Amino acid sequence: MGHISEKNADRFTGFADIYDEARPVMPTHTVSVITRYLGRRPINVVDLGSAGRKGLYRTLR
């Protein structure tokens, strides 16, 4: 990784827990819409771009 890339990455180091605490939970309406559309709860879920413990996967479990 280049010097500038390393500096940019370092700016975000150590903030994962803070981000996870501050991030809102997935709205239950979203889960309702998905399950209604599918006619069941999905077995597998890909939640792209939604890191953390409060993403769609956790809500669907």
Protein backbone atom coordinates (compact mmCIF):
# COMPACT_ATOMS: atom_id res chain seq x y z
CA MET A 1 0.00 0.00 0.00
CA GLY A 2 1.31 3.47 -0.80
CA HIS A 3 2.00 6.15 1.79
CA ILE A 4 -1.19 8.13 1.03
CA SER A 5 -3.33 4.98 1.06
CA GLU A 6 -1.87 3.96 4.41
CA LYS A 7 -2.61 7.40 5.89
CA ASN A 8 -6.21 7.18 4.65
CA ALA A 9 -6.64 3.68 6.08
CA ASP A 10 -5.13 4.75 9.41
CA ARG A 11 -7.77 7.49 9.79
CA PHE A 12 -10.46 4.82 10.14
CA THR A 13 -8.56 2.34 12.30
CA GLY A 14 -10.18 1.73 15.67
CA PHE A 15 -13.62 3.13 14.80
CA ALA A 16 -15.45 -0.12 13.98
CA ASP A 17 -17.02 -0.46 17.44
CA ILE A 18 -18.11 3.19 17.51
CA TYR A 19 -19.63 2.85 14.03
CA ASP A 20 -21.43 -0.35 15.03
CA GLU A 21 -22.92 1.30 18.13
CA ALA A 22 -24.07 4.43 16.27
CA ARG A 23 -25.43 2.68 13.17
CA PRO A 24 -29.22 2.39 13.17
CA VAL A 25 -30.88 -1.02 13.12
CA MET A 26 -32.36 -2.33 9.88
CA PRO A 27 -36.02 -1.22 9.74
CA THR A 28 -38.40 -4.13 10.38
CA HIS A 29 -40.55 -2.87 7.50
CA THR A 30 -37.69 -3.78 5.14
CA VAL A 31 -37.73 -7.36 6.41
CA SER A 32 -41.51 -7.46 6.09
CA VAL A 33 -41.38 -6.30 2.46
CA ILE A 34 -38.68 -8.86 1.57
CA THR A 35 -40.42 -11.79 3.24
CA ARG A 36 -43.78 -10.83 1.72
CA TYR A 37 -42.19 -10.61 -1.73
CA LEU A 38 -40.48 -13.99 -1.36
CA GLY A 39 -43.39 -15.65 0.40
CA ARG A 40 -41.02 -16.91 3.13
CA ARG A 41 -37.96 -15.97 5.13
CA PRO A 42 -34.85 -16.42 2.96
CA ILE A 43 -32.35 -19.13 3.84
CA ASN A 44 -29.38 -17.17 2.50
CA VAL A 45 -28.92 -13.40 2.59
CA VAL A 46 -26.31 -11.20 0.96
CA ASP A 47 -26.25 -7.80 2.63
CA LEU A 48 -23.81 -5.83 0.47
CA GLY A 49 -22.42 -2.65 1.90
CA SER A 50 -23.96 -3.19 5.29
CA ALA A 51 -21.22 -3.96 7.73
CA GLY A 52 -21.76 -4.46 11.40
CA ARG A 53 -24.04 -6.45 13.63
CA LYS A 54 -27.19 -4.47 12.87
CA GLY A 55 -27.44 -5.28 9.17
CA LEU A 56 -30.19 -7.10 7.34
CA TYR A 57 -28.74 -10.55 8.09
CA ARG A 58 -29.08 -10.03 11.85
CA THR A 59 -32.65 -8.74 11.43
CA LEU A 60 -33.70 -11.74 9.34
CA ARG A 61 -32.28 -14.32 11.76
